[in-house]
Each structure stands twice: as structure tokens, then as C-alpha cells.
Amino acid sequence: MAIGVTYEDFWHGDPQMVQFAIESERIRQRNHVISDDLLAWNTGRYTMLGVGVVLAQAFSKRGSSARYPTEPMMAAELDETLAEQKRERELRRQHADFLAVAAALAPRKPTGTDAP
């Protein structure tokens, strides 16, 4: 039936097996409620971030650096492949920033003069 016990086992089987099936169903339902609650909480979290970004950009006089996340926040932390890809992107961004600073600080040759 609904808890994973057949009619025959329910009426003629070991009562302890039925008790285990009932307890297993309780645990399954509890985990489902926890999962639903976590999903609702994360939905509210992303909504709050989105509203915060819009308000920060709307009321900032000099422009806001607030940005909505470009990827799921927890997935990249929990999934090793996504975490590695995120680290790679961050290293490439840092490398590009370093090259831009190095180019800006490099001495420039004067143009239009006869200096060697």
C-alpha cells in the first residue's frame, strides 16, 4: 500500500516489519518537508538578492556595484566540478586584471620625438 507494505504482509506478516515501514515513511515525509522548506527559503533568498540589487541601483547616486549572482550559490560549492570551474574563472579574471595593471604601469615610449 502507500507505505511500501503489501496487503498480505500487512495482515499476515511480521508486525515489526510493518512498524519499520511506518517509521521509514515518517522519515521520508520529514525529509520531504525539510527539502520543500529549504527550496522555499532559497527562493526567498534569491528574491531578496534580486530586489536588493534593483533597489541599490535605483537609489545609488554614483552607480551601484551590486550584482545578482551569475550562478547558483550553493551548487558551485557542493559540486566539485562546478567549484573547480569557478576557481578557474576566478584565476583567469585575476590574471587578466594583473595584466591590465601591469600594462597601465609599464613605461611608455614617447611618440613623435627624436629621443632614442
PDB file of N, CA and C in Angstrom:
ATOM      1  N   MET A   1       0.811  -1.120   0.000  1.00  0.00           N
ATOM      2  CA  MET A   1       0.000   0.000   0.000  1.00  0.00           C
ATOM      3  C   MET A   1       0.893   1.233   0.000  1.00  0.00           C
ATOM      4  N   ALA A   2       0.459   2.295   0.514  1.00  0.00           N
ATOM      5  CA  ALA A   2       1.158   3.574   0.368  1.00  0.00           C
ATOM      6  C   ALA A   2       2.507   3.614   1.084  1.00  0.00           C
ATOM      7  N   ILE A   3       2.684   2.777   2.113  1.00  0.00           N
ATOM      8  CA  ILE A   3       3.945   2.836   2.855  1.00  0.00           C
ATOM      9  C   ILE A   3       4.929   1.762   2.410  1.00  0.00           C
ATOM     10  N   GLY A   4       4.620   1.046   1.352  1.00  0.00           N
ATOM     11  CA  GLY A   4       5.536   0.055   0.810  1.00  0.00           C
ATOM     12  C   GLY A   4       5.356  -1.343   1.381  1.00  0.00           C
ATOM     13  N   VAL A   5       4.235  -1.622   1.986  1.00  0.00           N
ATOM     14  CA  VAL A   5       3.950  -2.940   2.539  1.00  0.00           C
ATOM     15  C   VAL A   5       2.778  -3.526   1.754  1.00  0.00           C
ATOM     16  N   THR A   6       2.912  -4.780   1.346  1.00  0.00           N
ATOM     17  CA  THR A   6       1.817  -5.413   0.606  1.00  0.00           C
ATOM     18  C   THR A   6       0.664  -5.735   1.549  1.00  0.00           C
ATOM     19  N   TYR A   7      -0.487  -5.992   0.958  1.00  0.00           N
ATOM     20  CA  TYR A   7      -1.679  -6.356   1.731  1.00  0.00           C
ATOM     21  C   TYR A   7      -1.408  -7.603   2.549  1.00  0.00           C
ATOM     22  N   GLU A   8      -0.788  -8.576   1.927  1.00  0.00           N
ATOM     23  CA  GLU A   8      -0.512  -9.851   2.598  1.00  0.00           C
ATOM     24  C   GLU A   8       0.442  -9.657   3.783  1.00  0.00           C
ATOM     25  N   ASP A   9       1.507  -8.859   3.576  1.00  0.00           N
ATOM     26  CA  ASP A   9       2.452  -8.614   4.672  1.00  0.00           C
ATOM     27  C   ASP A   9       1.807  -7.807   5.796  1.00  0.00           C
ATOM     28  N   PHE A  10       0.928  -6.903   5.434  1.00  0.00           N
ATOM     29  CA  PHE A  10       0.282  -6.079   6.454  1.00  0.00           C
ATOM     30  C   PHE A  10      -0.587  -6.926   7.376  1.00  0.00           C
ATOM     31  N   TRP A  11      -1.403  -7.798   6.786  1.00  0.00           N
ATOM     32  CA  TRP A  11      -2.349  -8.568   7.605  1.00  0.00           C
ATOM     33  C   TRP A  11      -1.763  -9.866   8.169  1.00  0.00           C
ATOM     34  N   HIS A  12      -0.830 -10.472   7.449  1.00  0.00           N
ATOM     35  CA  HIS A  12      -0.372 -11.796   7.873  1.00  0.00           C
ATOM     36  C   HIS A  12       1.134 -11.843   8.140  1.00  0.00           C
ATOM     37  N   GLY A  13       1.818 -10.753   7.958  1.00  0.00           N
ATOM     38  CA  GLY A  13       3.259 -10.754   8.142  1.00  0.00           C
ATOM     39  C   GLY A  13       3.679 -10.353   9.544  1.00  0.00           C
ATOM     40  N   ASP A  14       4.957 -10.158   9.680  1.00  0.00           N
ATOM     41  CA  ASP A  14       5.533  -9.779  10.971  1.00  0.00           C
ATOM     42  C   ASP A  14       5.164  -8.331  11.287  1.00  0.00           C
ATOM     43  N   PRO A  15       4.556  -8.078  12.445  1.00  0.00           N
ATOM     44  CA  PRO A  15       4.177  -6.703  12.804  1.00  0.00           C
ATOM     45  C   PRO A  15       5.375  -5.754  12.887  1.00  0.00           C
ATOM     46  N   GLN A  16       6.528  -6.294  13.227  1.00  0.00           N
ATOM     47  CA  GLN A  16       7.720  -5.444  13.316  1.00  0.00           C
ATOM     48  C   GLN A  16       8.117  -4.904  11.938  1.00  0.00           C
ATOM     49  N   MET A  17       7.914  -5.664  10.895  1.00  0.00           N
ATOM     50  CA  MET A  17       8.208  -5.196   9.535  1.00  0.00           C
ATOM     51  C   MET A  17       7.283  -4.039   9.154  1.00  0.00           C
ATOM     52  N   VAL A  18       6.026  -4.132   9.553  1.00  0.00           N
ATOM     53  CA  VAL A  18       5.074  -3.050   9.296  1.00  0.00           C
ATOM     54  C   VAL A  18       5.498  -1.806  10.067  1.00  0.00           C
ATOM     55  N   GLN A  19       5.939  -1.998  11.303  1.00  0.00           N
ATOM     56  CA  GLN A  19       6.404  -0.857  12.106  1.00  0.00           C
ATOM     57  C   GLN A  19       7.623  -0.196  11.448  1.00  0.00           C
ATOM     58  N   PHE A  20       8.539  -1.000  10.913  1.00  0.00           N
ATOM     59  CA  PHE A  20       9.701  -0.442  10.210  1.00  0.00           C
ATOM     60  C   PHE A  20       9.270   0.349   8.969  1.00  0.00           C
ATOM     61  N   ALA A  21       8.273  -0.174   8.257  1.00  0.00           N
ATOM     62  CA  ALA A  21       7.774   0.520   7.064  1.00  0.00           C
ATOM     63  C   ALA A  21       7.121   1.843   7.446  1.00  0.00           C
ATOM     64  N   ILE A  22       6.374   1.844   8.545  1.00  0.00           N
ATOM     65  CA  ILE A  22       5.734   3.089   9.010  1.00  0.00           C
ATOM     66  C   ILE A  22       6.798   4.108   9.400  1.00  0.00           C
ATOM     67  N   GLU A  23       7.809   3.674  10.151  1.00  0.00           N
ATOM     68  CA  GLU A  23       8.886   4.585  10.559  1.00  0.00           C
ATOM     69  C   GLU A  23       9.665   5.100   9.345  1.00  0.00           C
ATOM     70  N   SER A  24       9.892   4.229   8.389  1.00  0.00           N
ATOM     71  CA  SER A  24      10.579   4.641   7.159  1.00  0.00           C
ATOM     72  C   SER A  24       9.776   5.698   6.409  1.00  0.00           C
ATOM     73  N   GLU A  25       8.462   5.533   6.354  1.00  0.00           N
ATOM     74  CA  GLU A  25       7.598   6.515   5.688  1.00  0.00           C
ATOM     75  C   GLU A  25       7.608   7.846   6.437  1.00  0.00           C
ATOM     76  N   ARG A  26       7.619   7.809   7.759  1.00  0.00           N
ATOM     77  CA  ARG A  26       7.717   9.052   8.544  1.00  0.00           C
ATOM     78  C   ARG A  26       9.007   9.804   8.231  1.00  0.00           C
ATOM     79  N   ILE A  27      10.107   9.070   8.179  1.00  0.00           N
ATOM     80  CA  ILE A  27      11.403   9.694   7.868  1.00  0.00           C
ATOM     81  C   ILE A  27      11.382  10.276   6.461  1.00  0.00           C
ATOM     82  N   ARG A  28      10.821   9.521   5.512  1.00  0.00           N
ATOM     83  CA  ARG A  28      10.743  10.000   4.129  1.00  0.00           C
ATOM     84  C   ARG A  28       9.910  11.282   4.038  1.00  0.00           C
ATOM     85  N   GLN A  29       8.776  11.329   4.740  1.00  0.00           N
ATOM     86  CA  GLN A  29       7.928  12.523   4.732  1.00  0.00           C
ATOM     87  C   GLN A  29       8.624  13.704   5.409  1.00  0.00           C
ATOM     88  N   ARG A  30       9.318  13.445   6.514  1.00  0.00           N
ATOM     89  CA  ARG A  30      10.062  14.512   7.208  1.00  0.00           C
ATOM     90  C   ARG A  30      11.134  15.101   6.299  1.00  0.00           C
ATOM     91  N   ASN A  31      11.865  14.228   5.606  1.00  0.00           N
ATOM     92  CA  ASN A  31      12.895  14.711   4.683  1.00  0.00           C
ATOM     93  C   ASN A  31      12.293  15.500   3.525  1.00  0.00           C
ATOM     94  N   HIS A  32      11.109  15.092   3.081  1.00  0.00           N
ATOM     95  CA  HIS A  32      10.426  15.814   2.008  1.00  0.00           C
ATOM     96  C   HIS A  32      10.023  17.221   2.477  1.00  0.00           C
ATOM     97  N   VAL A  33       9.505  17.321   3.696  1.00  0.00           N
ATOM     98  CA  VAL A  33       9.119  18.627   4.246  1.00  0.00           C
ATOM     99  C   VAL A  33      10.354  19.516   4.400  1.00  0.00           C
ATOM    100  N   ILE A  34      11.445  18.948   4.888  1.00  0.00           N
ATOM    101  CA  ILE A  34      12.684  19.718   5.041  1.00  0.00           C
ATOM    102  C   ILE A  34      13.175  20.202   3.681  1.00  0.00           C
ATOM    103  N   SER A  35      13.126  19.338   2.683  1.00  0.00           N
ATOM    104  CA  SER A  35      13.556  19.708   1.335  1.00  0.00           C
ATOM    105  C   SER A  35      12.686  20.832   0.761  1.00  0.00           C
ATOM    106  N   ASP A  36      11.367  20.712   0.938  1.00  0.00           N
ATOM    107  CA  ASP A  36      10.461  21.766   0.465  1.00  0.00           C
ATOM    108  C   ASP A  36      10.728  23.090   1.171  1.00  0.00           C
ATOM    109  N   ASP A  37      10.971  23.029   2.478  1.00  0.00           N
ATOM    110  CA  ASP A  37      11.245  24.240   3.249  1.00  0.00           C
ATOM    111  C   ASP A  37      12.549  24.891   2.788  1.00  0.00           C
ATOM    112  N   LEU A  38      13.552  24.084   2.542  1.00  0.00           N
ATOM    113  CA  LEU A  38      14.834  24.610   2.058  1.00  0.00           C
ATOM    114  C   LEU A  38      14.676  25.255   0.682  1.00  0.00           C
ATOM    115  N   LEU A  39      13.889  24.634  -0.183  1.00  0.00           N
ATOM    116  CA  LEU A  39      13.638  25.211  -1.507  1.00  0.00           C
ATOM    117  C   LEU A  39      12.924  26.550  -1.391  1.00  0.00           C
ATOM    118  N   ALA A  40      11.927  26.625  -0.516  1.00  0.00           N
ATOM    119  CA  ALA A  40      11.209  27.893  -0.325  1.00  0.00           C
ATOM    120  C   ALA A  40      12.134  28.961   0.249  1.00  0.00           C
ATOM    121  N   TRP A  41      12.994  28.572   1.181  1.00  0.00           N
ATOM    122  CA  TRP A  41      13.930  29.524   1.776  1.00  0.00           C
ATOM    123  C   TRP A  41      14.913  30.046   0.726  1.00  0.00           C
ATOM    124  N   ASN A  42      15.433  29.158  -0.114  1.00  0.00           N
ATOM    125  CA  ASN A  42      16.354  29.590  -1.164  1.00  0.00           C
ATOM    126  C   ASN A  42      15.664  30.485  -2.186  1.00  0.00           C
ATOM    127  N   THR A  43      14.403  30.195  -2.483  1.00  0.00           N
ATOM    128  CA  THR A  43      13.645  31.051  -3.395  1.00  0.00           C
ATOM    129  C   THR A  43      13.535  32.459  -2.817  1.00  0.00           C
ATOM    130  N   GLY A  44      13.214  32.547  -1.537  1.00  0.00           N
ATOM    131  CA  GLY A  44      13.148  33.852  -0.871  1.00  0.00           C
ATOM    132  C   GLY A  44      14.499  34.538  -0.843  1.00  0.00           C
ATOM    133  N   ARG A  45      15.556  33.768  -0.674  1.00  0.00           N
ATOM    134  CA  ARG A  45      16.914  34.331  -0.648  1.00  0.00           C
ATOM    135  C   ARG A  45      17.262  34.961  -1.993  1.00  0.00           C
ATOM    136  N   TYR A  46      16.994  34.244  -3.082  1.00  0.00           N
ATOM    137  CA  TYR A  46      17.280  34.789  -4.412  1.00  0.00           C
ATOM    138  C   TYR A  46      16.384  35.988  -4.724  1.00  0.00           C
ATOM    139  N   THR A  47      15.129  35.923  -4.281  1.00  0.00           N
ATOM    140  CA  THR A  47      14.228  37.063  -4.490  1.00  0.00           C
ATOM    141  C   THR A  47      14.749  38.282  -3.753  1.00  0.00           C
ATOM    142  N   MET A  48      15.182  38.081  -2.506  1.00  0.00           N
ATOM    143  CA  MET A  48      15.721  39.183  -1.718  1.00  0.00           C
ATOM    144  C   MET A  48      16.971  39.773  -2.396  1.00  0.00           C
ATOM    145  N   LEU A  49      17.828  38.917  -2.924  1.00  0.00           N
ATOM    146  CA  LEU A  49      19.013  39.417  -3.634  1.00  0.00           C
ATOM    147  C   LEU A  49      18.624  40.250  -4.850  1.00  0.00           C
ATOM    148  N   GLY A  50      17.649  39.758  -5.613  1.00  0.00           N
ATOM    149  CA  GLY A  50      17.216  40.477  -6.807  1.00  0.00           C
ATOM    150  C   GLY A  50      16.622  41.835  -6.474  1.00  0.00           C
ATOM    151  N   VAL A  51      15.764  41.874  -5.462  1.00  0.00           N
ATOM    152  CA  VAL A  51      15.157  43.145  -5.046  1.00  0.00           C
ATOM    153  C   VAL A  51      16.236  44.083  -4.509  1.00  0.00           C
ATOM    154  N   GLY A  52      17.186  43.541  -3.753  1.00  0.00           N
ATOM    155  CA  GLY A  52      18.277  44.350  -3.218  1.00  0.00           C
ATOM    156  C   GLY A  52      19.127  44.974  -4.311  1.00  0.00           C
ATOM    157  N   VAL A  53      19.416  44.214  -5.363  1.00  0.00           N
ATOM    158  CA  VAL A  53      20.208  44.743  -6.483  1.00  0.00           C
ATOM    159  C   VAL A  53      19.445  45.864  -7.178  1.00  0.00           C
ATOM    160  N   VAL A  54      18.155  45.658  -7.423  1.00  0.00           N
ATOM    161  CA  VAL A  54      17.352  46.680  -8.093  1.00  0.00           C
ATOM    162  C   VAL A  54      17.291  47.957  -7.255  1.00  0.00           C
ATOM    163  N   LEU A  55      17.048  47.809  -5.953  1.00  0.00           N
ATOM    164  CA  LEU A  55      16.974  48.985  -5.090  1.00  0.00           C
ATOM    165  C   LEU A  55      18.321  49.690  -4.981  1.00  0.00           C
ATOM    166  N   ALA A  56      19.402  48.918  -4.892  1.00  0.00           N
ATOM    167  CA  ALA A  56      20.734  49.531  -4.804  1.00  0.00           C
ATOM    168  C   ALA A  56      21.050  50.326  -6.064  1.00  0.00           C
ATOM    169  N   GLN A  57      20.693  49.795  -7.220  1.00  0.00           N
ATOM    170  CA  GLN A  57      20.959  50.510  -8.469  1.00  0.00           C
ATOM    171  C   GLN A  57      20.017  51.692  -8.650  1.00  0.00           C
ATOM    172  N   ALA A  58      18.805  51.585  -8.155  1.00  0.00           N
ATOM    173  CA  ALA A  58      17.836  52.671  -8.325  1.00  0.00           C
ATOM    174  C   ALA A  58      18.155  53.860  -7.430  1.00  0.00           C
ATOM    175  N   PHE A  59      18.637  53.612  -6.223  1.00  0.00           N
ATOM    176  CA  PHE A  59      18.826  54.699  -5.268  1.00  0.00           C
ATOM    177  C   PHE A  59      20.286  55.115  -5.082  1.00  0.00           C
ATOM    178  N   SER A  60      21.187  54.519  -5.831  1.00  0.00           N
ATOM    179  CA  SER A  60      22.595  54.896  -5.715  1.00  0.00           C
ATOM    180  C   SER A  60      22.869  56.091  -6.612  1.00  0.00           C
ATOM    181  N   LYS A  61      23.526  57.105  -6.077  1.00  0.00           N
ATOM    182  CA  LYS A  61      23.800  58.312  -6.863  1.00  0.00           C
ATOM    183  C   LYS A  61      24.966  58.109  -7.818  1.00  0.00           C
ATOM    184  N   ARG A  62      25.943  57.298  -7.428  1.00  0.00           N
ATOM    185  CA  ARG A  62      27.127  57.092  -8.269  1.00  0.00           C
ATOM    186  C   ARG A  62      27.112  55.749  -8.983  1.00  0.00           C
ATOM    187  N   GLY A  63      26.052  55.069  -8.963  1.00  0.00           N
ATOM    188  CA  GLY A  63      26.005  53.744  -9.564  1.00  0.00           C
ATOM    189  C   GLY A  63      26.376  52.705  -8.519  1.00  0.00           C
ATOM    190  N   SER A  64      25.779  51.592  -8.598  1.00  0.00           N
ATOM    191  CA  SER A  64      25.984  50.562  -7.589  1.00  0.00           C
ATOM    192  C   SER A  64      26.790  49.417  -8.171  1.00  0.00           C
ATOM    193  N   SER A  65      27.614  48.820  -7.332  1.00  0.00           N
ATOM    194  CA  SER A  65      28.363  47.646  -7.766  1.00  0.00           C
ATOM    195  C   SER A  65      27.603  46.366  -7.428  1.00  0.00           C
ATOM    196  N   ALA A  66      26.392  46.499  -6.923  1.00  0.00           N
ATOM    197  CA  ALA A  66      25.592  45.330  -6.568  1.00  0.00           C
ATOM    198  C   ALA A  66      25.200  44.587  -7.839  1.00  0.00           C
ATOM    199  N   ARG A  67      25.421  43.284  -7.838  1.00  0.00           N
ATOM    200  CA  ARG A  67      25.097  42.444  -8.987  1.00  0.00           C
ATOM    201  C   ARG A  67      24.387  41.186  -8.505  1.00  0.00           C
ATOM    202  N   TYR A  68      23.455  40.729  -9.292  1.00  0.00           N
ATOM    203  CA  TYR A  68      22.780  39.469  -8.996  1.00  0.00           C
ATOM    204  C   TYR A  68      23.755  38.334  -9.306  1.00  0.00           C
ATOM    205  N   PRO A  69      23.766  37.257  -8.526  1.00  0.00           N
ATOM    206  CA  PRO A  69      24.702  36.154  -8.790  1.00  0.00           C
ATOM    207  C   PRO A  69      24.521  35.591 -10.195  1.00  0.00           C
ATOM    208  N   THR A  70      25.617  35.279 -10.838  1.00  0.00           N
ATOM    209  CA  THR A  70      25.563  34.746 -12.201  1.00  0.00           C
ATOM    210  C   THR A  70      25.385  33.238 -12.225  1.00  0.00           C
ATOM    211  N   GLU A  71      25.501  32.602 -11.068  1.00  0.00           N
ATOM    212  CA  GLU A  71      25.330  31.155 -10.986  1.00  0.00           C
ATOM    213  C   GLU A  71      24.741  30.805  -9.625  1.00  0.00           C
ATOM    214  N   PRO A  72      24.202  29.617  -9.494  1.00  0.00           N
ATOM    215  CA  PRO A  72      23.670  29.228  -8.191  1.00  0.00           C
ATOM    216  C   PRO A  72      24.756  29.292  -7.116  1.00  0.00           C
ATOM    217  N   MET A  73      24.389  29.775  -5.948  1.00  0.00           N
ATOM    218  CA  MET A  73      25.391  29.992  -4.907  1.00  0.00           C
ATOM    219  C   MET A  73      25.875  28.690  -4.286  1.00  0.00           C
ATOM    220  N   MET A  74      24.999  27.807  -3.938  1.00  0.00           N
ATOM    221  CA  MET A  74      25.403  26.587  -3.248  1.00  0.00           C
ATOM    222  C   MET A  74      25.851  25.490  -4.193  1.00  0.00           C
ATOM    223  N   ALA A  75      25.341  25.457  -5.412  1.00  0.00           N
ATOM    224  CA  ALA A  75      25.697  24.382  -6.330  1.00  0.00           C
ATOM    225  C   ALA A  75      27.187  24.378  -6.619  1.00  0.00           C
ATOM    226  N   ALA A  76      27.756  25.555  -6.796  1.00  0.00           N
ATOM    227  CA  ALA A  76      29.186  25.630  -7.090  1.00  0.00           C
ATOM    228  C   ALA A  76      30.017  25.208  -5.894  1.00  0.00           C
ATOM    229  N   GLU A  77      29.494  25.368  -4.697  1.00  0.00           N
ATOM    230  CA  GLU A  77      30.234  24.960  -3.507  1.00  0.00           C
ATOM    231  C   GLU A  77      30.108  23.455  -3.268  1.00  0.00           C
ATOM    232  N   LEU A  78      28.962  22.874  -3.588  1.00  0.00           N
ATOM    233  CA  LEU A  78      28.733  21.470  -3.306  1.00  0.00           C
ATOM    234  C   LEU A  78      29.215  20.546  -4.416  1.00  0.00           C
ATOM    235  N   ASP A  79      29.154  20.998  -5.643  1.00  0.00           N
ATOM    236  CA  ASP A  79      29.579  20.176  -6.775  1.00  0.00           C
ATOM    237  C   ASP A  79      31.049  20.475  -7.071  1.00  0.00           C
ATOM    238  N   GLU A  80      31.906  19.463  -6.979  1.00  0.00           N
ATOM    239  CA  GLU A  80      33.346  19.673  -7.132  1.00  0.00           C
ATOM    240  C   GLU A  80      33.705  20.162  -8.537  1.00  0.00           C
ATOM    241  N   THR A  81      33.020  19.667  -9.554  1.00  0.00           N
ATOM    242  CA  THR A  81      33.311  20.099 -10.922  1.00  0.00           C
ATOM    243  C   THR A  81      32.986  21.573 -11.096  1.00  0.00           C
ATOM    244  N   LEU A  82      31.817  21.988 -10.609  1.00  0.00           N
ATOM    245  CA  LEU A  82      31.443  23.401 -10.706  1.00  0.00           C
ATOM    246  C   LEU A  82      32.367  24.273  -9.868  1.00  0.00           C
ATOM    247  N   ALA A  83      32.785  23.771  -8.709  1.00  0.00           N
ATOM    248  CA  ALA A  83      33.709  24.535  -7.860  1.00  0.00           C
ATOM    249  C   ALA A  83      35.043  24.728  -8.568  1.00  0.00           C
ATOM    250  N   GLU A  84      35.518  23.693  -9.244  1.00  0.00           N
ATOM    251  CA  GLU A  84      36.782  23.805  -9.976  1.00  0.00           C
ATOM    252  C   GLU A  84      36.640  24.792 -11.141  1.00  0.00           C
ATOM    253  N   GLN A  85      35.522  24.747 -11.851  1.00  0.00           N
ATOM    254  CA  GLN A  85      35.294  25.697 -12.940  1.00  0.00           C
ATOM    255  C   GLN A  85      35.239  27.118 -12.411  1.00  0.00           C
ATOM    256  N   LYS A  86      34.620  27.313 -11.250  1.00  0.00           N
ATOM    257  CA  LYS A  86      34.547  28.647 -10.652  1.00  0.00           C
ATOM    258  C   LYS A  86      35.947  29.137 -10.278  1.00  0.00           C
ATOM    259  N   ARG A  87      36.769  28.263  -9.697  1.00  0.00           N
ATOM    260  CA  ARG A  87      38.149  28.642  -9.360  1.00  0.00           C
ATOM    261  C   ARG A  87      38.937  29.014 -10.609  1.00  0.00           C
ATOM    262  N   GLU A  88      38.749  28.241 -11.688  1.00  0.00           N
ATOM    263  CA  GLU A  88      39.443  28.532 -12.955  1.00  0.00           C
ATOM    264  C   GLU A  88      39.041  29.903 -13.494  1.00  0.00           C
ATOM    265  N   ARG A  89      37.729  30.203 -13.476  1.00  0.00           N
ATOM    266  CA  ARG A  89      37.271  31.506 -13.957  1.00  0.00           C
ATOM    267  C   ARG A  89      37.839  32.632 -13.100  1.00  0.00           C
ATOM    268  N   GLU A  90      37.868  32.427 -11.787  1.00  0.00           N
ATOM    269  CA  GLU A  90      38.401  33.439 -10.884  1.00  0.00           C
ATOM    270  C   GLU A  90      39.891  33.662 -11.136  1.00  0.00           C
ATOM    271  N   LEU A  91      40.641  32.591 -11.358  1.00  0.00           N
ATOM    272  CA  LEU A  91      42.071  32.740 -11.657  1.00  0.00           C
ATOM    273  C   LEU A  91      42.296  33.455 -12.991  1.00  0.00           C
ATOM    274  N   ARG A  92      41.486  33.139 -14.004  1.00  0.00           N
ATOM    275  CA  ARG A  92      41.614  33.827 -15.294  1.00  0.00           C
ATOM    276  C   ARG A  92      41.293  35.313 -15.155  1.00  0.00           C
ATOM    277  N   ARG A  93      40.262  35.630 -14.345  1.00  0.00           N
ATOM    278  CA  ARG A  93      39.910  37.032 -14.121  1.00  0.00           C
ATOM    279  C   ARG A  93      41.027  37.759 -13.387  1.00  0.00           C
ATOM    280  N   GLN A  94      41.602  37.121 -12.375  1.00  0.00           N
ATOM    281  CA  GLN A  94      42.711  37.736 -11.644  1.00  0.00           C
ATOM    282  C   GLN A  94      43.921  37.932 -12.541  1.00  0.00           C
ATOM    283  N   HIS A  95      44.174  36.963 -13.425  1.00  0.00           N
ATOM    284  CA  HIS A  95      45.291  37.073 -14.357  1.00  0.00           C
ATOM    285  C   HIS A  95      45.076  38.235 -15.323  1.00  0.00           C
ATOM    286  N   ALA A  96      43.860  38.366 -15.839  1.00  0.00           N
ATOM    287  CA  ALA A  96      43.555  39.467 -16.752  1.00  0.00           C
ATOM    288  C   ALA A  96      43.661  40.810 -16.028  1.00  0.00           C
ATOM    289  N   ASP A  97      43.195  40.879 -14.786  1.00  0.00           N
ATOM    290  CA  ASP A  97      43.325  42.115 -14.007  1.00  0.00           C
ATOM    291  C   ASP A  97      44.791  42.464 -13.773  1.00  0.00           C
ATOM    292  N   PHE A  98      45.605  41.464 -13.470  1.00  0.00           N
ATOM    293  CA  PHE A  98      47.033  41.700 -13.249  1.00  0.00           C
ATOM    294  C   PHE A  98      47.691  42.221 -14.518  1.00  0.00           C
ATOM    295  N   LEU A  99      47.373  41.616 -15.647  1.00  0.00           N
ATOM    296  CA  LEU A  99      47.960  42.081 -16.918  1.00  0.00           C
ATOM    297  C   LEU A  99      47.525  43.505 -17.235  1.00  0.00           C
ATOM    298  N   ALA A 100      46.282  43.854 -16.923  1.00  0.00           N
ATOM    299  CA  ALA A 100      45.807  45.214 -17.176  1.00  0.00           C
ATOM    300  C   ALA A 100      46.549  46.220 -16.302  1.00  0.00           C
ATOM    301  N   VAL A 101      46.773  45.871 -15.032  1.00  0.00           N
ATOM    302  CA  VAL A 101      47.513  46.767 -14.143  1.00  0.00           C
ATOM    303  C   VAL A 101      48.965  46.877 -14.599  1.00  0.00           C
ATOM    304  N   ALA A 102      49.570  45.759 -14.979  1.00  0.00           N
ATOM    305  CA  ALA A 102      50.958  45.775 -15.444  1.00  0.00           C
ATOM    306  C   ALA A 102      51.101  46.625 -16.704  1.00  0.00           C
ATOM    307  N   ALA A 103      50.136  46.535 -17.605  1.00  0.00           N
ATOM    308  CA  ALA A 103      50.187  47.337 -18.826  1.00  0.00           C
ATOM    309  C   ALA A 103      50.015  48.816 -18.513  1.00  0.00           C
ATOM    310  N   ALA A 104      49.194  49.133 -17.539  1.00  0.00           N
ATOM    311  CA  ALA A 104      48.975  50.528 -17.183  1.00  0.00           C
ATOM    312  C   ALA A 104      50.204  51.128 -16.495  1.00  0.00           C
ATOM    313  N   LEU A 105      50.958  50.302 -15.785  1.00  0.00           N
ATOM    314  CA  LEU A 105      52.134  50.788 -15.068  1.00  0.00           C
ATOM    315  C   LEU A 105      53.414  50.745 -15.903  1.00  0.00           C
ATOM    316  N   ALA A 106      53.379  50.102 -17.044  1.00  0.00           N
ATOM    317  CA  ALA A 106      54.576  49.977 -17.883  1.00  0.00           C
ATOM    318  C   ALA A 106      54.957  51.340 -18.443  1.00  0.00           C
ATOM    319  N   PRO A 107      56.272  51.634 -18.479  1.00  0.00           N
ATOM    320  CA  PRO A 107      56.696  52.912 -19.054  1.00  0.00           C
ATOM    321  C   PRO A 107      56.373  52.952 -20.549  1.00  0.00           C
ATOM    322  N   ARG A 108      55.942  54.108 -20.986  1.00  0.00           N
ATOM    323  CA  ARG A 108      55.575  54.258 -22.399  1.00  0.00           C
ATOM    324  C   ARG A 108      56.658  55.030 -23.119  1.00  0.00           C
ATOM    325  N   LYS A 109      56.885  54.636 -24.338  1.00  0.00           N
ATOM    326  CA  LYS A 109      57.856  55.341 -25.161  1.00  0.00           C
ATOM    327  C   LYS A 109      57.215  56.615 -25.689  1.00  0.00           C
ATOM    328  N   PRO A 110      57.939  57.709 -25.616  1.00  0.00           N
ATOM    329  CA  PRO A 110      57.377  58.943 -26.169  1.00  0.00           C
ATOM    330  C   PRO A 110      57.223  58.815 -27.691  1.00  0.00           C
ATOM    331  N   THR A 111      56.166  59.352 -28.194  1.00  0.00           N
ATOM    332  CA  THR A 111      55.916  59.298 -29.637  1.00  0.00           C
ATOM    333  C   THR A 111      56.124  60.682 -30.229  1.00  0.00           C
ATOM    334  N   GLY A 112      56.621  60.705 -31.455  1.00  0.00           N
ATOM    335  CA  GLY A 112      56.786  61.966 -32.157  1.00  0.00           C
ATOM    336  C   GLY A 112      58.038  62.746 -31.743  1.00  0.00           C
ATOM    337  N   THR A 113      58.961  62.145 -31.034  1.00  0.00           N
ATOM    338  CA  THR A 113      60.209  62.834 -30.675  1.00  0.00           C
ATOM    339  C   THR A 113      61.366  62.044 -31.217  1.00  0.00           C
ATOM    340  N   ASP A 114      62.518  62.670 -31.245  1.00  0.00           N
ATOM    341  CA  ASP A 114      63.719  62.034 -31.787  1.00  0.00           C
ATOM    342  C   ASP A 114      64.540  61.385 -30.683  1.00  0.00           C
ATOM    343  N   ALA A 115      64.006  61.278 -29.509  1.00  0.00           N
ATOM    344  CA  ALA A 115      64.749  60.677 -28.398  1.00  0.00           C
ATOM    345  C   ALA A 115      64.944  59.183 -28.656  1.00  0.00           C
ATOM    346  N   PRO A 116      66.134  58.683 -28.320  1.00  0.00           N
ATOM    347  CA  PRO A 116      66.390  57.261 -28.584  1.00  0.00           C
ATOM    348  C   PRO A 116      65.644  56.348 -27.684  1.00  0.00           C
TER     349      PRO A 116
END
